[in-house]
């Protein structure tokens, strides 16, 4: 009897750690590279133990390992869904950087992103770094952990859950992140459009002028200046966007 009781406690702890580990494997706030593996494991075990201690400490162990694997798979789906939802915070900045880079002629200026391990434009990495600093400045990473805690009250460990609000929430967040990326990049795109119109008019007015000599440098200079100015002016927009994404993630797991 004592052994069976210990198995129930161990199964509950394992399922808590699976959900937390799946969350940390996807969410970009805590790193996704090999060098961040040990901190993620420590966070997984620590937070898994905390959530297990304050939550469901006992889960009936199924009769077969296959059933236990299915239960672990359900917990992984919840963690991955929440991590993917919160990843839209930085995904919209990466998308905005790609749009701006294409307009200013920096699409081929790509470097390896140390956070994700894939190559991206330098403008995308600049915006992503600025976004990470805002997330830390306003303690958004703490709010992300609070949403993770809410999932344990919405989707009980070891029990089936309704996938419909999670799927609908993910669709809304992904679609909204694309729209928000365009909105964030729109001021720079507007300046680039005005510059293009001005250069066309200048070429019409002075046919002998060689626009290729200074046209590219002027576009890069104007785009970088607009980005530097908009990093500060657009911070309130990003903060409100992060708050909206957090609210959308909470709505995925109604209590």
Protein backbone atom coordinates (compact mmCIF):
# COMPACT_ATOMS: atom_id res chain seq x y z
CA UNK A 1 0.00 0.00 0.00
CA UNK A 2 2.81 2.41 0.86
CA UNK A 3 4.51 1.61 -2.43
CA UNK A 4 1.32 2.33 -4.38
CA UNK A 5 0.91 5.62 -2.52
CA UNK A 6 4.48 6.59 -3.36
CA UNK A 7 3.81 5.78 -7.02
CA UNK A 8 0.85 8.17 -7.03
CA UNK A 9 3.00 10.97 -5.61
CA UNK A 10 5.85 10.21 -8.03
CA UNK A 11 3.49 10.16 -11.03
CA UNK A 12 2.04 13.53 -10.05
CA UNK A 13 5.50 15.06 -9.65
CA UNK A 14 6.57 13.65 -13.02
CA UNK A 15 3.53 15.08 -14.81
CA UNK A 16 4.06 18.50 -13.23
CA UNK A 17 7.67 18.51 -14.42
CA UNK A 18 6.65 17.40 -17.92
CA UNK A 19 4.28 20.36 -18.30
CA UNK A 20 6.81 22.85 -16.95
CA UNK A 21 9.62 21.34 -19.04
CA UNK A 22 7.57 21.54 -22.23
CA UNK A 23 6.86 25.19 -21.45
CA UNK A 24 10.55 26.03 -20.98
CA UNK A 25 11.47 24.10 -24.13
CA UNK A 26 9.37 26.42 -26.30
CA UNK A 27 9.15 29.83 -24.63
CA UNK A 28 12.03 32.11 -25.75
CA UNK A 29 12.28 34.15 -22.54
CA UNK A 30 14.49 31.53 -20.85
CA UNK A 31 16.67 30.48 -23.78
CA UNK A 32 16.41 27.57 -26.19
CA UNK A 33 20.05 26.65 -26.88
CA UNK A 34 22.21 23.89 -25.42
CA UNK A 35 24.12 26.34 -23.22
CA UNK A 36 20.82 27.18 -21.47
CA UNK A 37 19.86 23.52 -20.99
CA UNK A 38 21.10 23.19 -17.41
CA UNK A 39 19.29 26.34 -16.16
CA UNK A 40 16.12 25.14 -17.86
CA UNK A 41 16.40 21.73 -16.19
CA UNK A 42 16.92 23.37 -12.80
CA UNK A 43 13.94 25.69 -13.38
CA UNK A 44 11.83 22.75 -14.53
CA UNK A 45 12.53 20.65 -11.45
CA UNK A 46 12.24 23.62 -9.08
CA UNK A 47 8.99 25.01 -10.43
CA UNK A 48 7.60 21.53 -10.99
CA UNK A 49 8.21 20.79 -7.31
CA UNK A 50 6.59 24.08 -6.27
CA UNK A 51 3.49 23.56 -8.40
CA UNK A 52 3.29 19.93 -7.26
CA UNK A 53 3.51 20.95 -3.60
CA UNK A 54 0.70 23.52 -3.84
CA UNK A 55 -1.39 21.56 -6.34
CA UNK A 56 -2.48 17.98 -6.94
CA UNK A 57 0.12 15.93 -5.09
CA UNK A 58 -1.48 12.61 -5.95
CA UNK A 59 -2.45 11.29 -9.36
CA UNK A 60 -3.68 7.70 -9.68
CA UNK A 61 -1.10 5.68 -11.58
CA UNK A 62 -2.64 3.95 -14.62
CA UNK A 63 -2.34 0.24 -15.14
CA UNK A 64 0.03 0.46 -18.13
CA UNK A 65 3.01 2.56 -19.14
CA UNK A 66 1.19 3.46 -22.36
CA UNK A 67 -1.59 5.15 -20.39
CA UNK A 68 1.02 7.00 -18.32
CA UNK A 69 2.69 8.11 -21.56
CA UNK A 70 -0.61 9.46 -22.84
CA UNK A 71 -1.04 11.44 -19.62
CA UNK A 72 2.48 12.85 -20.00
CA UNK A 73 1.71 13.72 -23.62
CA UNK A 74 -1.33 15.72 -22.52
CA UNK A 75 0.79 17.65 -20.05
CA UNK A 76 3.35 18.33 -22.78
CA UNK A 77 0.64 19.68 -25.08
CA UNK A 78 -0.46 22.18 -22.41
CA UNK A 79 3.11 23.37 -21.78
CA UNK A 80 3.96 23.65 -25.47
CA UNK A 81 0.72 25.51 -26.23
CA UNK A 82 1.39 28.10 -23.52
CA UNK A 83 5.03 28.49 -24.52
CA UNK A 84 4.10 28.93 -28.17
CA UNK A 85 1.47 31.51 -27.24
CA UNK A 86 3.95 33.57 -25.24
CA UNK A 87 6.58 33.20 -27.97
CA UNK A 88 4.45 35.47 -30.16
CA UNK A 89 5.80 38.38 -28.07
CA UNK A 90 9.19 38.11 -29.71
CA UNK A 91 7.93 36.56 -32.95
CA UNK A 92 6.13 39.78 -33.86
CA UNK A 93 9.38 41.74 -33.39
CA UNK A 94 11.25 39.29 -35.60
CA UNK A 95 8.57 39.64 -38.28
CA UNK A 96 8.67 43.43 -38.04
CA UNK A 97 12.45 43.35 -38.39
CA UNK A 98 12.20 41.19 -41.51
CA UNK A 99 9.74 43.64 -43.09
CA UNK A 100 11.90 46.66 -42.29
CA UNK A 101 15.06 44.89 -43.48
CA UNK A 102 13.47 44.09 -46.83
CA UNK A 103 12.46 47.74 -47.28
CA UNK A 104 15.84 49.23 -46.34
CA UNK A 105 17.90 46.69 -48.31
CA UNK A 106 19.28 44.70 -45.39
CA UNK A 107 17.64 41.36 -46.21
CA UNK A 108 21.01 39.74 -46.92
CA UNK A 109 22.64 41.16 -43.78
CA UNK A 110 21.95 38.10 -41.64
CA UNK A 111 23.74 36.69 -38.62
CA UNK A 112 23.19 33.74 -36.32
CA UNK A 113 20.66 34.48 -33.61
CA UNK A 114 22.22 33.32 -30.31
CA UNK A 115 18.78 32.84 -28.74
CA UNK A 116 17.20 30.54 -31.32
CA UNK A 117 20.21 29.24 -33.25
CA UNK A 118 18.83 30.27 -36.66
CA UNK A 119 19.96 33.11 -38.87
CA UNK A 120 17.97 36.34 -38.95
CA UNK A 121 18.49 39.90 -40.10
CA UNK A 122 20.42 42.31 -37.93
CA UNK A 123 17.34 44.54 -37.64
CA UNK A 124 15.28 41.61 -36.35
CA UNK A 125 17.90 40.85 -33.73
CA UNK A 126 17.99 44.50 -32.70
CA UNK A 127 14.23 44.61 -32.21
CA UNK A 128 14.22 41.23 -30.47
CA UNK A 129 16.93 42.35 -28.02
CA UNK A 130 14.97 45.52 -27.30
CA UNK A 131 11.88 43.40 -26.71
CA UNK A 132 13.71 41.14 -24.27
CA UNK A 133 14.90 44.19 -22.32
CA UNK A 134 11.33 45.47 -22.10
CA UNK A 135 10.11 42.07 -20.92
CA UNK A 136 12.66 42.07 -18.12
CA UNK A 137 12.11 45.74 -17.27
CA UNK A 138 8.37 45.29 -16.74
CA UNK A 139 8.62 41.80 -15.14
CA UNK A 140 6.67 40.17 -17.94
CA UNK A 141 8.64 36.96 -17.32
CA UNK A 142 7.05 36.82 -13.86
CA UNK A 143 3.60 37.21 -15.41
CA UNK A 144 4.43 34.36 -17.78
CA UNK A 145 5.10 32.11 -14.79
CA UNK A 146 1.80 33.20 -13.22
CA UNK A 147 -0.01 32.15 -16.40
CA UNK A 148 1.82 28.81 -16.19
CA UNK A 149 0.52 28.42 -12.65
CA UNK A 150 -2.99 29.16 -13.90
CA UNK A 151 -2.81 26.21 -16.30
CA UNK A 152 -2.58 23.83 -13.33
CA UNK A 153 -5.87 25.19 -12.02
CA UNK A 154 -7.55 25.20 -15.43
CA UNK A 155 -6.24 21.87 -16.75
CA UNK A 156 -5.84 19.54 -13.77
CA UNK A 157 -2.80 17.31 -13.88
CA UNK A 158 -3.58 13.83 -15.13
CA UNK A 159 -7.12 14.72 -16.25
CA UNK A 160 -8.50 15.35 -19.76
CA UNK A 161 -9.11 18.95 -20.78
CA UNK A 162 -10.98 20.88 -23.46
CA UNK A 163 -8.67 21.63 -26.38
CA UNK A 164 -11.06 24.09 -28.09
CA UNK A 165 -10.21 27.27 -26.10
CA UNK A 166 -6.49 26.50 -26.39
CA UNK A 167 -6.67 26.03 -30.16
CA UNK A 168 -8.84 29.12 -30.65
CA UNK A 169 -6.51 31.19 -28.47
CA UNK A 170 -3.46 30.10 -30.45
CA UNK A 171 -5.12 31.00 -33.73
CA UNK A 172 -6.03 34.44 -32.43
CA UNK A 173 -2.56 35.11 -31.04
CA UNK A 174 -0.72 34.00 -34.18
CA UNK A 175 -3.00 36.02 -36.45
CA UNK A 176 -2.77 39.02 -34.14
CA UNK A 177 1.04 38.85 -34.00
CA UNK A 178 1.25 39.22 -37.80
CA UNK A 179 -1.01 42.26 -37.71
CA UNK A 180 0.91 43.79 -34.79
CA UNK A 181 4.22 43.22 -36.59
CA UNK A 182 2.98 45.20 -39.58
CA UNK A 183 1.65 47.93 -37.30
CA UNK A 184 4.97 48.22 -35.46
CA UNK A 185 6.93 48.41 -38.74
CA UNK A 186 4.46 50.75 -40.44
CA UNK A 187 6.04 54.09 -39.35
CA UNK A 188 9.39 53.07 -40.86
CA UNK A 189 7.68 51.75 -43.97
CA UNK A 190 5.84 55.06 -44.31
CA UNK A 191 9.11 56.99 -44.18
CA UNK A 192 10.64 54.68 -46.75
CA UNK A 193 7.66 55.25 -49.04
CA UNK A 194 7.98 59.02 -48.70
CA UNK A 195 11.69 58.78 -49.45
CA UNK A 196 10.99 56.69 -52.56
CA UNK A 197 8.48 59.26 -53.79
CA UNK A 198 10.94 62.11 -53.10
CA UNK A 199 13.70 60.32 -55.01
CA UNK A 200 11.40 59.69 -57.97
CA UNK A 201 10.43 63.37 -58.07
CA UNK A 202 14.08 64.37 -57.75
CA UNK A 203 15.00 62.10 -60.63
CA UNK A 204 12.26 63.63 -62.75
CA UNK A 205 13.30 67.17 -61.87
CA UNK A 206 17.04 66.59 -62.37
CA UNK A 207 17.48 63.82 -64.97
CA UNK A 208 21.26 64.13 -64.91
CA UNK A 209 21.56 63.23 -61.25
CA UNK A 210 22.77 59.73 -60.41
CA UNK A 211 20.45 58.51 -57.66
CA UNK A 212 22.31 55.22 -57.33
CA UNK A 213 25.30 57.02 -55.81
CA UNK A 214 23.52 58.08 -52.66
CA UNK A 215 20.07 56.49 -52.85
CA UNK A 216 20.95 53.29 -50.98
CA UNK A 217 22.99 55.07 -48.33
CA UNK A 218 20.17 57.57 -47.81
CA UNK A 219 17.61 54.80 -47.35
CA UNK A 220 19.80 53.01 -44.81
CA UNK A 221 20.54 56.23 -42.92
CA UNK A 222 16.88 57.25 -42.78
CA UNK A 223 15.72 53.75 -41.76
CA UNK A 224 18.30 53.46 -38.97
CA UNK A 225 17.43 56.93 -37.71
CA UNK A 226 13.73 56.11 -37.73
CA UNK A 227 14.37 52.82 -35.90
CA UNK A 228 16.49 54.54 -33.25
CA UNK A 229 13.77 57.13 -32.69
CA UNK A 230 10.93 54.61 -32.74
CA UNK A 231 12.59 52.25 -30.27
CA UNK A 232 11.74 54.75 -27.53
CA UNK A 233 8.54 56.14 -29.00
CA UNK A 234 7.16 52.69 -29.76
CA UNK A 235 7.89 51.21 -26.33
CA UNK A 236 4.36 51.94 -24.96
CA UNK A 237 2.90 50.16 -27.98
CA UNK A 238 5.03 47.09 -27.25
CA UNK A 239 4.16 47.12 -23.55
CA UNK A 240 0.44 47.19 -24.33
CA UNK A 241 0.98 44.46 -26.92
CA UNK A 242 2.73 42.24 -24.37
CA UNK A 243 -0.14 42.80 -21.93
CA UNK A 244 -2.66 41.84 -24.63
CA UNK A 245 -0.74 38.64 -25.44
CA UNK A 246 -0.66 37.73 -21.74
CA UNK A 247 -4.42 38.29 -21.52
CA UNK A 248 -4.88 36.10 -24.60
CA UNK A 249 -2.75 33.36 -23.02
CA UNK A 250 -4.82 33.54 -19.82
CA UNK A 251 -8.01 33.26 -21.87
CA UNK A 252 -6.73 29.99 -23.31
CA UNK A 253 -6.90 28.45 -19.83
CA UNK A 254 -10.09 29.69 -18.15
CA UNK A 255 -10.32 28.90 -14.46
